[in-house]
Protein backbone atom coordinates (compact mmCIF):
# COMPACT_ATOMS: atom_id res chain seq x y z
CA UNK A 1 0.00 0.00 0.00
CA UNK A 2 1.21 3.49 -0.77
CA UNK A 3 -0.26 6.82 0.32
CA UNK A 4 0.29 9.98 -1.72
CA UNK A 5 -0.34 13.33 -0.01
CA UNK A 6 -1.24 16.18 -2.35
CA UNK A 7 0.11 19.60 -1.36
CA UNK A 8 -0.80 22.62 -3.43
CA UNK A 9 -3.38 23.17 -6.11
CA UNK A 10 -3.63 20.90 -9.15
CA UNK A 11 -5.01 22.61 -12.23
CA UNK A 12 -4.84 21.79 -15.92
CA UNK A 13 -1.34 23.28 -16.36
CA UNK A 14 0.15 21.12 -13.58
CA UNK A 15 -1.74 17.90 -14.34
CA UNK A 16 1.13 16.17 -16.16
CA UNK A 17 3.59 16.88 -13.32
CA UNK A 18 1.01 15.57 -10.84
CA UNK A 19 0.54 12.34 -12.81
CA UNK A 20 4.32 11.91 -13.25
CA UNK A 21 4.72 11.82 -9.44
CA UNK A 22 2.97 8.43 -9.33
CA UNK A 23 4.79 5.12 -9.80
CA UNK A 24 2.43 2.98 -11.87
CA UNK A 25 4.98 0.19 -12.36
CA UNK A 26 5.30 -0.64 -8.65
CA UNK A 27 3.01 -3.56 -7.74
CA UNK A 28 0.80 -2.37 -4.90
CA UNK A 29 -2.21 -3.81 -3.14
CA UNK A 30 -3.78 -0.37 -2.75
CA UNK A 31 -3.07 3.28 -3.54
CA UNK A 32 -4.41 6.05 -1.31
CA UNK A 33 -4.45 9.66 -2.48
CA UNK A 34 -4.99 12.20 0.29
CA UNK A 35 -6.02 15.46 -1.36
CA UNK A 36 -6.57 17.20 1.97
CA UNK A 37 -7.79 20.75 1.48
CA UNK A 38 -6.31 21.19 -1.99
CA UNK A 39 -8.20 21.94 -5.16
CA UNK A 40 -7.48 19.03 -7.47
CA UNK A 41 -8.54 18.84 -11.09
CA UNK A 42 -11.06 16.05 -11.55
CA UNK A 43 -9.44 15.16 -14.87
CA UNK A 44 -6.10 14.56 -13.15
CA UNK A 45 -7.66 12.18 -10.62
CA UNK A 46 -9.48 10.40 -13.43
CA UNK A 47 -6.22 9.92 -15.38
CA UNK A 48 -4.57 8.46 -12.26
CA UNK A 49 -7.50 6.05 -11.87
CA UNK A 50 -7.23 4.95 -15.49
CA UNK A 51 -3.46 4.30 -15.31
CA UNK A 52 -3.49 2.77 -11.84
CA UNK A 53 -3.70 -1.03 -11.66
CA UNK A 54 -4.20 -1.23 -7.88
CA UNK A 55 -7.42 -0.38 -6.05
CA UNK A 56 -7.43 3.34 -5.26
CA UNK A 57 -9.00 5.35 -2.45
CA UNK A 58 -9.32 9.13 -2.34
CA UNK A 59 -9.21 10.77 1.09
CA UNK A 60 -10.22 14.33 1.83
CA UNK A 61 -12.59 14.56 -1.10
CA UNK A 62 -15.65 16.58 -0.16
CA UNK A 63 -19.14 15.49 -1.18
CA UNK A 64 -19.35 18.03 -4.03
CA UNK A 65 -16.13 16.70 -5.58
CA UNK A 66 -17.35 13.11 -5.24
CA UNK A 67 -20.50 14.07 -7.16
CA UNK A 68 -18.37 15.79 -9.82
CA UNK A 69 -16.13 12.72 -10.15
CA UNK A 70 -19.20 10.52 -10.51
CA UNK A 71 -20.61 12.84 -13.15
CA UNK A 72 -17.57 13.58 -15.36
CA UNK A 73 -15.02 10.82 -14.75
CA UNK A 74 -14.57 8.23 -17.49
CA UNK A 75 -12.88 5.39 -15.61
CA UNK A 76 -14.81 2.24 -14.71
CA UNK A 77 -16.59 3.16 -11.49
CA UNK A 78 -17.20 -0.47 -10.57
CA UNK A 79 -13.49 -1.18 -10.03
CA UNK A 80 -10.36 0.63 -8.97
CA UNK A 81 -11.58 3.85 -7.36
CA UNK A 82 -13.48 4.43 -4.15
CA UNK A 83 -13.80 8.17 -3.56
CA UNK A 84 -14.83 8.88 -0.01
CA UNK A 85 -15.95 12.19 1.48
CA UNK A 86 -14.12 13.09 4.70
């Protein structure tokens, strides 16, 4: 299991650097992304979910962002990602 803590805002211009910080080759049982109080582009989280082969949990995602992820994300919602509002 690996936990990534997001510090700072993630917008469209910084999405590629954000994605590059993840190690998709490392075999993990679970990936946790703690977005805390940051503003994170939904598209960036969706790209991480698509590339990630381990189950993924989002921490610190408020209810509004969970609804937005459900509405606009393109990854398979049945597997891989479990956004949780905290």
